[in-house]
Amino acid sequence: MKYAINHLSIVSVHTEPNDESQICTEVLFGEFFKVLERRAAWSRIRLFDDKSEGWVLNNQYTEISAEQYDALRKDTPVYCAQSVGVCRCENKQ
C-alpha cells in the first residue's frame, strides 16, 4: 500500500476518476491518506481522519513512506487559529 500527503492548499476529491464527477470532499494542506489504487491519471484514496474515499489527480499529492505515515498518525496535530499562518520545517526558514 502507498501513502501520501497533500502539498497543495486544497484538493478536490471526486466520486469517480474524472473531472465531471461529483466532488465528495476536499483534502486540505498537510492532510495525509492511503493510496488504495493508482491509475494513469487518477488515484483512489482514503483519508486518515474521517476515512472518506474518492479520486484525486496523481499530480496533486506527494507520496510518503509507511514510516512517515505512521509517524503522522501518532503525532499530535497542530492547529492555527489565525487566518494567516507560517509553516516552517526543521532547519529551514
PDB file of N, CA and C in Angstrom:
ATOM      1  N   MET A   1       0.845  -1.180   0.000  1.00  0.00           N
ATOM      2  CA  MET A   1       0.000   0.000   0.000  1.00  0.00           C
ATOM      3  C   MET A   1       0.887   1.239   0.000  1.00  0.00           C
ATOM      4  N   LYS A   2       0.431   2.259  -0.686  1.00  0.00           N
ATOM      5  CA  LYS A   2       1.163   3.532  -0.744  1.00  0.00           C
ATOM      6  C   LYS A   2       0.470   4.548   0.154  1.00  0.00           C
ATOM      7  N   TYR A   3       1.248   5.559   0.555  1.00  0.00           N
ATOM      8  CA  TYR A   3       0.753   6.619   1.421  1.00  0.00           C
ATOM      9  C   TYR A   3       1.144   7.958   0.816  1.00  0.00           C
ATOM     10  N   ALA A   4       0.395   9.008   1.171  1.00  0.00           N
ATOM     11  CA  ALA A   4       0.663  10.307   0.568  1.00  0.00           C
ATOM     12  C   ALA A   4       0.220  11.434   1.492  1.00  0.00           C
ATOM     13  N   ILE A   5       0.682  12.651   1.155  1.00  0.00           N
ATOM     14  CA  ILE A   5       0.309  13.857   1.872  1.00  0.00           C
ATOM     15  C   ILE A   5      -0.031  14.927   0.841  1.00  0.00           C
ATOM     16  N   ASN A   6      -0.968  15.788   1.186  1.00  0.00           N
ATOM     17  CA  ASN A   6      -1.349  16.873   0.285  1.00  0.00           C
ATOM     18  C   ASN A   6      -0.360  18.028   0.435  1.00  0.00           C
ATOM     19  N   HIS A   7       0.296  18.396  -0.672  1.00  0.00           N
ATOM     20  CA  HIS A   7       1.250  19.505  -0.662  1.00  0.00           C
ATOM     21  C   HIS A   7       0.632  20.796  -1.204  1.00  0.00           C
ATOM     22  N   LEU A   8      -0.626  20.749  -1.604  1.00  0.00           N
ATOM     23  CA  LEU A   8      -1.327  21.917  -2.142  1.00  0.00           C
ATOM     24  C   LEU A   8      -2.263  22.494  -1.083  1.00  0.00           C
ATOM     25  N   SER A   9      -2.773  23.691  -1.320  1.00  0.00           N
ATOM     26  CA  SER A   9      -3.660  24.310  -0.330  1.00  0.00           C
ATOM     27  C   SER A   9      -4.964  23.531  -0.181  1.00  0.00           C
ATOM     28  N   ILE A  10      -5.521  23.074  -1.287  1.00  0.00           N
ATOM     29  CA  ILE A  10      -6.762  22.301  -1.235  1.00  0.00           C
ATOM     30  C   ILE A  10      -6.870  21.440  -2.492  1.00  0.00           C
ATOM     31  N   VAL A  11      -7.347  20.208  -2.329  1.00  0.00           N
ATOM     32  CA  VAL A  11      -7.509  19.283  -3.449  1.00  0.00           C
ATOM     33  C   VAL A  11      -8.916  18.710  -3.390  1.00  0.00           C
ATOM     34  N   SER A  12      -9.609  18.752  -4.505  1.00  0.00           N
ATOM     35  CA  SER A  12     -10.956  18.174  -4.591  1.00  0.00           C
ATOM     36  C   SER A  12     -10.867  16.661  -4.722  1.00  0.00           C
ATOM     37  N   VAL A  13     -11.736  15.968  -3.986  1.00  0.00           N
ATOM     38  CA  VAL A  13     -11.835  14.519  -4.062  1.00  0.00           C
ATOM     39  C   VAL A  13     -13.144  14.197  -4.778  1.00  0.00           C
ATOM     40  N   HIS A  14     -13.051  13.444  -5.867  1.00  0.00           N
ATOM     41  CA  HIS A  14     -14.201  13.140  -6.714  1.00  0.00           C
ATOM     42  C   HIS A  14     -14.738  11.740  -6.451  1.00  0.00           C
ATOM     43  N   THR A  15     -16.026  11.543  -6.788  1.00  0.00           N
ATOM     44  CA  THR A  15     -16.644  10.232  -6.621  1.00  0.00           C
ATOM     45  C   THR A  15     -16.211   9.244  -7.692  1.00  0.00           C
ATOM     46  N   GLU A  16     -15.793   9.745  -8.844  1.00  0.00           N
ATOM     47  CA  GLU A  16     -15.324   8.922  -9.960  1.00  0.00           C
ATOM     48  C   GLU A  16     -14.015   9.526 -10.483  1.00  0.00           C
ATOM     49  N   PRO A  17     -13.212   8.750 -11.204  1.00  0.00           N
ATOM     50  CA  PRO A  17     -11.930   9.270 -11.687  1.00  0.00           C
ATOM     51  C   PRO A  17     -12.060  10.131 -12.951  1.00  0.00           C
ATOM     52  N   ASN A  18     -12.793  11.245 -12.834  1.00  0.00           N
ATOM     53  CA  ASN A  18     -12.890  12.206 -13.933  1.00  0.00           C
ATOM     54  C   ASN A  18     -13.322  13.561 -13.385  1.00  0.00           C
ATOM     55  N   ASP A  19     -12.991  14.620 -14.139  1.00  0.00           N
ATOM     56  CA  ASP A  19     -13.263  15.991 -13.698  1.00  0.00           C
ATOM     57  C   ASP A  19     -14.745  16.325 -13.618  1.00  0.00           C
ATOM     58  N   GLU A  20     -15.574  15.626 -14.367  1.00  0.00           N
ATOM     59  CA  GLU A  20     -17.003  15.925 -14.382  1.00  0.00           C
ATOM     60  C   GLU A  20     -17.771  15.281 -13.233  1.00  0.00           C
ATOM     61  N   SER A  21     -17.147  14.368 -12.504  1.00  0.00           N
ATOM     62  CA  SER A  21     -17.847  13.683 -11.415  1.00  0.00           C
ATOM     63  C   SER A  21     -18.020  14.599 -10.210  1.00  0.00           C
ATOM     64  N   GLN A  22     -18.936  14.219  -9.350  1.00  0.00           N
ATOM     65  CA  GLN A  22     -19.253  14.994  -8.150  1.00  0.00           C
ATOM     66  C   GLN A  22     -18.062  15.046  -7.202  1.00  0.00           C
ATOM     67  N   ILE A  23     -17.887  16.194  -6.548  1.00  0.00           N
ATOM     68  CA  ILE A  23     -16.865  16.344  -5.513  1.00  0.00           C
ATOM     69  C   ILE A  23     -17.485  15.881  -4.197  1.00  0.00           C
ATOM     70  N   CYS A  24     -16.864  14.881  -3.560  1.00  0.00           N
ATOM     71  CA  CYS A  24     -17.436  14.331  -2.332  1.00  0.00           C
ATOM     72  C   CYS A  24     -16.797  14.925  -1.075  1.00  0.00           C
ATOM     73  N   THR A  25     -15.562  15.403  -1.183  1.00  0.00           N
ATOM     74  CA  THR A  25     -14.882  16.047  -0.058  1.00  0.00           C
ATOM     75  C   THR A  25     -13.663  16.783  -0.600  1.00  0.00           C
ATOM     76  N   GLU A  26     -12.891  17.368   0.287  1.00  0.00           N
ATOM     77  CA  GLU A  26     -11.668  18.057  -0.099  1.00  0.00           C
ATOM     78  C   GLU A  26     -10.559  17.690   0.875  1.00  0.00           C
ATOM     79  N   VAL A  27      -9.331  17.694   0.380  1.00  0.00           N
ATOM     80  CA  VAL A  27      -8.161  17.433   1.207  1.00  0.00           C
ATOM     81  C   VAL A  27      -7.438  18.759   1.400  1.00  0.00           C
ATOM     82  N   LEU A  28      -7.198  19.130   2.644  1.00  0.00           N
ATOM     83  CA  LEU A  28      -6.513  20.385   2.955  1.00  0.00           C
ATOM     84  C   LEU A  28      -5.001  20.166   3.039  1.00  0.00           C
ATOM     85  N   PHE A  29      -4.262  21.265   2.960  1.00  0.00           N
ATOM     86  CA  PHE A  29      -2.806  21.211   3.047  1.00  0.00           C
ATOM     87  C   PHE A  29      -2.369  20.433   4.286  1.00  0.00           C
ATOM     88  N   GLY A  30      -1.458  19.502   4.092  1.00  0.00           N
ATOM     89  CA  GLY A  30      -0.901  18.748   5.207  1.00  0.00           C
ATOM     90  C   GLY A  30      -1.675  17.506   5.598  1.00  0.00           C
ATOM     91  N   GLU A  31      -2.882  17.313   5.066  1.00  0.00           N
ATOM     92  CA  GLU A  31      -3.623  16.091   5.384  1.00  0.00           C
ATOM     93  C   GLU A  31      -2.959  14.916   4.667  1.00  0.00           C
ATOM     94  N   PHE A  32      -3.007  13.763   5.291  1.00  0.00           N
ATOM     95  CA  PHE A  32      -2.365  12.580   4.735  1.00  0.00           C
ATOM     96  C   PHE A  32      -3.381  11.467   4.570  1.00  0.00           C
ATOM     97  N   PHE A  33      -3.051  10.502   3.707  1.00  0.00           N
ATOM     98  CA  PHE A  33      -4.033   9.484   3.335  1.00  0.00           C
ATOM     99  C   PHE A  33      -3.352   8.266   2.734  1.00  0.00           C
ATOM    100  N   LYS A  34      -4.131   7.200   2.576  1.00  0.00           N
ATOM    101  CA  LYS A  34      -3.673   5.988   1.910  1.00  0.00           C
ATOM    102  C   LYS A  34      -4.063   6.069   0.436  1.00  0.00           C
ATOM    103  N   VAL A  35      -3.196   5.584  -0.424  1.00  0.00           N
ATOM    104  CA  VAL A  35      -3.491   5.464  -1.846  1.00  0.00           C
ATOM    105  C   VAL A  35      -3.916   4.017  -2.070  1.00  0.00           C
ATOM    106  N   LEU A  36      -5.205   3.813  -2.318  1.00  0.00           N
ATOM    107  CA  LEU A  36      -5.756   2.469  -2.452  1.00  0.00           C
ATOM    108  C   LEU A  36      -5.560   1.883  -3.844  1.00  0.00           C
ATOM    109  N   GLU A  37      -5.603   2.762  -4.847  1.00  0.00           N
ATOM    110  CA  GLU A  37      -5.472   2.320  -6.243  1.00  0.00           C
ATOM    111  C   GLU A  37      -4.900   3.479  -7.056  1.00  0.00           C
ATOM    112  N   ARG A  38      -3.970   3.181  -7.945  1.00  0.00           N
ATOM    113  CA  ARG A  38      -3.379   4.220  -8.782  1.00  0.00           C
ATOM    114  C   ARG A  38      -3.563   3.841 -10.248  1.00  0.00           C
ATOM    115  N   ARG A  39      -4.136   4.760 -11.002  1.00  0.00           N
ATOM    116  CA  ARG A  39      -4.295   4.582 -12.448  1.00  0.00           C
ATOM    117  C   ARG A  39      -3.404   5.585 -13.165  1.00  0.00           C
ATOM    118  N   ALA A  40      -3.534   5.704 -14.488  1.00  0.00           N
ATOM    119  CA  ALA A  40      -2.666   6.579 -15.276  1.00  0.00           C
ATOM    120  C   ALA A  40      -2.709   8.027 -14.801  1.00  0.00           C
ATOM    121  N   ALA A  41      -3.899   8.567 -14.538  1.00  0.00           N
ATOM    122  CA  ALA A  41      -4.020   9.977 -14.156  1.00  0.00           C
ATOM    123  C   ALA A  41      -4.650  10.184 -12.783  1.00  0.00           C
ATOM    124  N   TRP A  42      -5.365   9.196 -12.271  1.00  0.00           N
ATOM    125  CA  TRP A  42      -6.127   9.340 -11.032  1.00  0.00           C
ATOM    126  C   TRP A  42      -5.738   8.264 -10.024  1.00  0.00           C
ATOM    127  N   SER A  43      -5.914   8.591  -8.731  1.00  0.00           N
ATOM    128  CA  SER A  43      -5.722   7.616  -7.653  1.00  0.00           C
ATOM    129  C   SER A  43      -6.937   7.622  -6.742  1.00  0.00           C
ATOM    130  N   ARG A  44      -7.316   6.425  -6.290  1.00  0.00           N
ATOM    131  CA  ARG A  44      -8.387   6.309  -5.289  1.00  0.00           C
ATOM    132  C   ARG A  44      -7.726   6.341  -3.924  1.00  0.00           C
ATOM    133  N   ILE A  45      -8.224   7.210  -3.049  1.00  0.00           N
ATOM    134  CA  ILE A  45      -7.591   7.424  -1.741  1.00  0.00           C
ATOM    135  C   ILE A  45      -8.584   7.220  -0.608  1.00  0.00           C
ATOM    136  N   ARG A  46      -8.039   7.029   0.610  1.00  0.00           N
ATOM    137  CA  ARG A  46      -8.840   7.007   1.843  1.00  0.00           C
ATOM    138  C   ARG A  46      -8.172   7.957   2.831  1.00  0.00           C
ATOM    139  N   LEU A  47      -8.906   8.987   3.235  1.00  0.00           N
ATOM    140  CA  LEU A  47      -8.379   9.967   4.177  1.00  0.00           C
ATOM    141  C   LEU A  47      -8.199   9.345   5.554  1.00  0.00           C
ATOM    142  N   PHE A  48      -7.179   9.779   6.271  1.00  0.00           N
ATOM    143  CA  PHE A  48      -6.904   9.248   7.601  1.00  0.00           C
ATOM    144  C   PHE A  48      -7.967   9.668   8.611  1.00  0.00           C
ATOM    145  N   ASP A  49      -8.307  10.964   8.648  1.00  0.00           N
ATOM    146  CA  ASP A  49      -9.179  11.484   9.707  1.00  0.00           C
ATOM    147  C   ASP A  49     -10.585  10.909   9.700  1.00  0.00           C
ATOM    148  N   ASP A  50     -11.281  10.983   8.578  1.00  0.00           N
ATOM    149  CA  ASP A  50     -12.686  10.554   8.567  1.00  0.00           C
ATOM    150  C   ASP A  50     -12.949   9.327   7.691  1.00  0.00           C
ATOM    151  N   LYS A  51     -11.895   8.757   7.137  1.00  0.00           N
ATOM    152  CA  LYS A  51     -11.961   7.539   6.311  1.00  0.00           C
ATOM    153  C   LYS A  51     -12.758   7.727   5.017  1.00  0.00           C
ATOM    154  N   SER A  52     -12.945   8.988   4.586  1.00  0.00           N
ATOM    155  CA  SER A  52     -13.608   9.259   3.313  1.00  0.00           C
ATOM    156  C   SER A  52     -12.773   8.679   2.172  1.00  0.00           C
ATOM    157  N   GLU A  53     -13.448   8.212   1.127  1.00  0.00           N
ATOM    158  CA  GLU A  53     -12.754   7.677  -0.038  1.00  0.00           C
ATOM    159  C   GLU A  53     -13.192   8.418  -1.287  1.00  0.00           C
ATOM    160  N   GLY A  54     -12.297   8.517  -2.252  1.00  0.00           N
ATOM    161  CA  GLY A  54     -12.614   9.141  -3.527  1.00  0.00           C
ATOM    162  C   GLY A  54     -11.382   9.190  -4.405  1.00  0.00           C
ATOM    163  N   TRP A  55     -11.474   9.959  -5.486  1.00  0.00           N
ATOM    164  CA  TRP A  55     -10.442  10.007  -6.508  1.00  0.00           C
ATOM    165  C   TRP A  55      -9.800  11.386  -6.587  1.00  0.00           C
ATOM    166  N   VAL A  56      -8.475  11.425  -6.678  1.00  0.00           N
ATOM    167  CA  VAL A  56      -7.731  12.673  -6.861  1.00  0.00           C
ATOM    168  C   VAL A  56      -6.754  12.490  -8.019  1.00  0.00           C
ATOM    169  N   LEU A  57      -6.372  13.606  -8.632  1.00  0.00           N
ATOM    170  CA  LEU A  57      -5.370  13.551  -9.686  1.00  0.00           C
ATOM    171  C   LEU A  57      -4.006  13.190  -9.093  1.00  0.00           C
ATOM    172  N   ASN A  58      -3.250  12.397  -9.823  1.00  0.00           N
ATOM    173  CA  ASN A  58      -1.954  11.918  -9.322  1.00  0.00           C
ATOM    174  C   ASN A  58      -0.954  13.032  -9.047  1.00  0.00           C
ATOM    175  N   ASN A  59      -1.050  14.142  -9.777  1.00  0.00           N
ATOM    176  CA  ASN A  59      -0.081  15.221  -9.575  1.00  0.00           C
ATOM    177  C   ASN A  59      -0.472  16.155  -8.430  1.00  0.00           C
ATOM    178  N   GLN A  60      -1.512  15.797  -7.680  1.00  0.00           N
ATOM    179  CA  GLN A  60      -1.974  16.656  -6.597  1.00  0.00           C
ATOM    180  C   GLN A  60      -1.648  16.104  -5.212  1.00  0.00           C
ATOM    181  N   TYR A  61      -0.674  15.223  -5.143  1.00  0.00           N
ATOM    182  CA  TYR A  61      -0.207  14.745  -3.840  1.00  0.00           C
ATOM    183  C   TYR A  61       1.251  14.311  -3.942  1.00  0.00           C
ATOM    184  N   THR A  62       1.875  14.166  -2.781  1.00  0.00           N
ATOM    185  CA  THR A  62       3.261  13.705  -2.695  1.00  0.00           C
ATOM    186  C   THR A  62       3.278  12.398  -1.925  1.00  0.00           C
ATOM    187  N   GLU A  63       3.893  11.375  -2.498  1.00  0.00           N
ATOM    188  CA  GLU A  63       3.982  10.091  -1.809  1.00  0.00           C
ATOM    189  C   GLU A  63       4.925  10.195  -0.618  1.00  0.00           C
ATOM    190  N   ILE A  64       4.582   9.469   0.445  1.00  0.00           N
ATOM    191  CA  ILE A  64       5.418   9.373   1.643  1.00  0.00           C
ATOM    192  C   ILE A  64       5.585   7.897   1.988  1.00  0.00           C
ATOM    193  N   SER A  65       6.555   7.604   2.818  1.00  0.00           N
ATOM    194  CA  SER A  65       6.815   6.216   3.218  1.00  0.00           C
ATOM    195  C   SER A  65       5.816   5.762   4.282  1.00  0.00           C
ATOM    196  N   ALA A  66       5.747   4.469   4.489  1.00  0.00           N
ATOM    197  CA  ALA A  66       4.891   3.915   5.541  1.00  0.00           C
ATOM    198  C   ALA A  66       5.337   4.428   6.907  1.00  0.00           C
ATOM    199  N   GLU A  67       6.643   4.602   7.095  1.00  0.00           N
ATOM    200  CA  GLU A  67       7.166   5.106   8.366  1.00  0.00           C
ATOM    201  C   GLU A  67       6.728   6.547   8.607  1.00  0.00           C
ATOM    202  N   GLN A  68       6.760   7.363   7.547  1.00  0.00           N
ATOM    203  CA  GLN A  68       6.304   8.747   7.676  1.00  0.00           C
ATOM    204  C   GLN A  68       4.808   8.801   7.981  1.00  0.00           C
ATOM    205  N   TYR A  69       4.041   7.956   7.315  1.00  0.00           N
ATOM    206  CA  TYR A  69       2.597   7.891   7.555  1.00  0.00           C
ATOM    207  C   TYR A  69       2.316   7.518   9.012  1.00  0.00           C
ATOM    208  N   ASP A  70       2.993   6.487   9.509  1.00  0.00           N
ATOM    209  CA  ASP A  70       2.790   6.058  10.893  1.00  0.00           C
ATOM    210  C   ASP A  70       3.168   7.159  11.883  1.00  0.00           C
ATOM    211  N   ALA A  71       4.251   7.881  11.604  1.00  0.00           N
ATOM    212  CA  ALA A  71       4.666   8.983  12.479  1.00  0.00           C
ATOM    213  C   ALA A  71       3.596  10.087  12.478  1.00  0.00           C
ATOM    214  N   LEU A  72       3.045  10.408  11.323  1.00  0.00           N
ATOM    215  CA  LEU A  72       1.987  11.425  11.246  1.00  0.00           C
ATOM    216  C   LEU A  72       0.725  10.975  11.990  1.00  0.00           C
ATOM    217  N   ARG A  73       0.401   9.687  11.880  1.00  0.00           N
ATOM    218  CA  ARG A  73      -0.772   9.149  12.580  1.00  0.00           C
ATOM    219  C   ARG A  73      -0.656   9.313  14.086  1.00  0.00           C
ATOM    220  N   LYS A  74       0.552   9.128  14.602  1.00  0.00           N
ATOM    221  CA  LYS A  74       0.780   9.157  16.044  1.00  0.00           C
ATOM    222  C   LYS A  74       1.052  10.564  16.575  1.00  0.00           C
ATOM    223  N   ASP A  75       1.379  11.486  15.679  1.00  0.00           N
ATOM    224  CA  ASP A  75       1.754  12.840  16.069  1.00  0.00           C
ATOM    225  C   ASP A  75       0.526  13.633  16.519  1.00  0.00           C
ATOM    226  N   THR A  76       0.735  14.548  17.446  1.00  0.00           N
ATOM    227  CA  THR A  76      -0.326  15.446  17.890  1.00  0.00           C
ATOM    228  C   THR A  76      -0.511  16.535  16.844  1.00  0.00           C
ATOM    229  N   PRO A  77      -1.749  16.728  16.329  1.00  0.00           N
ATOM    230  CA  PRO A  77      -1.949  17.747  15.301  1.00  0.00           C
ATOM    231  C   PRO A  77      -1.697  19.158  15.832  1.00  0.00           C
ATOM    232  N   VAL A  78      -1.268  20.035  14.940  1.00  0.00           N
ATOM    233  CA  VAL A  78      -1.044  21.439  15.264  1.00  0.00           C
ATOM    234  C   VAL A  78      -2.073  22.251  14.493  1.00  0.00           C
ATOM    235  N   TYR A  79      -2.771  23.141  15.172  1.00  0.00           N
ATOM    236  CA  TYR A  79      -3.807  23.955  14.548  1.00  0.00           C
ATOM    237  C   TYR A  79      -3.429  25.425  14.635  1.00  0.00           C
ATOM    238  N   CYS A  80      -3.872  26.200  13.664  1.00  0.00           N
ATOM    239  CA  CYS A  80      -3.621  27.634  13.632  1.00  0.00           C
ATOM    240  C   CYS A  80      -4.960  28.351  13.726  1.00  0.00           C
ATOM    241  N   ALA A  81      -5.131  29.199  14.733  1.00  0.00           N
ATOM    242  CA  ALA A  81      -6.384  29.921  14.934  1.00  0.00           C
ATOM    243  C   ALA A  81      -6.428  31.228  14.152  1.00  0.00           C
ATOM    244  N   GLN A  82      -5.316  31.611  13.541  1.00  0.00           N
ATOM    245  CA  GLN A  82      -5.264  32.848  12.772  1.00  0.00           C
ATOM    246  C   GLN A  82      -5.593  32.558  11.308  1.00  0.00           C
ATOM    247  N   SER A  83      -6.070  33.581  10.602  1.00  0.00           N
ATOM    248  CA  SER A  83      -6.417  33.390   9.198  1.00  0.00           C
ATOM    249  C   SER A  83      -5.181  33.232   8.319  1.00  0.00           C
ATOM    250  N   VAL A  84      -4.041  33.686   8.798  1.00  0.00           N
ATOM    251  CA  VAL A  84      -2.788  33.519   8.064  1.00  0.00           C
ATOM    252  C   VAL A  84      -1.763  32.953   9.032  1.00  0.00           C
ATOM    253  N   GLY A  85      -1.095  31.908   8.622  1.00  0.00           N
ATOM    254  CA  GLY A  85      -0.081  31.296   9.470  1.00  0.00           C
ATOM    255  C   GLY A  85       1.173  31.012   8.664  1.00  0.00           C
ATOM    256  N   VAL A  86       2.263  30.795   9.335  1.00  0.00           N
ATOM    257  CA  VAL A  86       3.534  30.479   8.697  1.00  0.00           C
ATOM    258  C   VAL A  86       3.942  29.077   9.131  1.00  0.00           C
ATOM    259  N   CYS A  87       4.268  28.232   8.149  1.00  0.00           N
ATOM    260  CA  CYS A  87       4.742  26.882   8.430  1.00  0.00           C
ATOM    261  C   CYS A  87       6.227  26.825   8.140  1.00  0.00           C
ATOM    262  N   ARG A  88       6.970  26.234   9.054  1.00  0.00           N
ATOM    263  CA  ARG A  88       8.408  26.077   8.847  1.00  0.00           C
ATOM    264  C   ARG A  88       8.789  24.644   9.145  1.00  0.00           C
ATOM    265  N   CYS A  89       9.720  24.138   8.366  1.00  0.00           N
ATOM    266  CA  CYS A  89      10.272  22.816   8.589  1.00  0.00           C
ATOM    267  C   CYS A  89      11.510  22.951   9.456  1.00  0.00           C
ATOM    268  N   GLU A  90      11.886  21.853  10.091  1.00  0.00           N
ATOM    269  CA  GLU A  90      13.098  21.863  10.902  1.00  0.00           C
ATOM    270  C   GLU A  90      14.286  22.251  10.037  1.00  0.00           C
ATOM    271  N   ASN A  91      15.161  23.094  10.558  1.00  0.00           N
ATOM    272  CA  ASN A  91      16.392  23.548   9.904  1.00  0.00           C
ATOM    273  C   ASN A  91      16.156  24.338   8.625  1.00  0.00           C
ATOM    274  N   LYS A  92      14.941  24.780   8.376  1.00  0.00           N
ATOM    275  CA  LYS A  92      14.645  25.604   7.203  1.00  0.00           C
ATOM    276  C   LYS A  92      13.820  26.794   7.640  1.00  0.00           C
ATOM    277  N   GLN A  93      13.988  27.914   6.939  1.00  0.00           N
ATOM    278  CA  GLN A  93      13.205  29.096   7.270  1.00  0.00           C
ATOM    279  C   GLN A  93      12.447  29.602   6.082  1.00  0.00           C
TER     280      GLN A  93
END
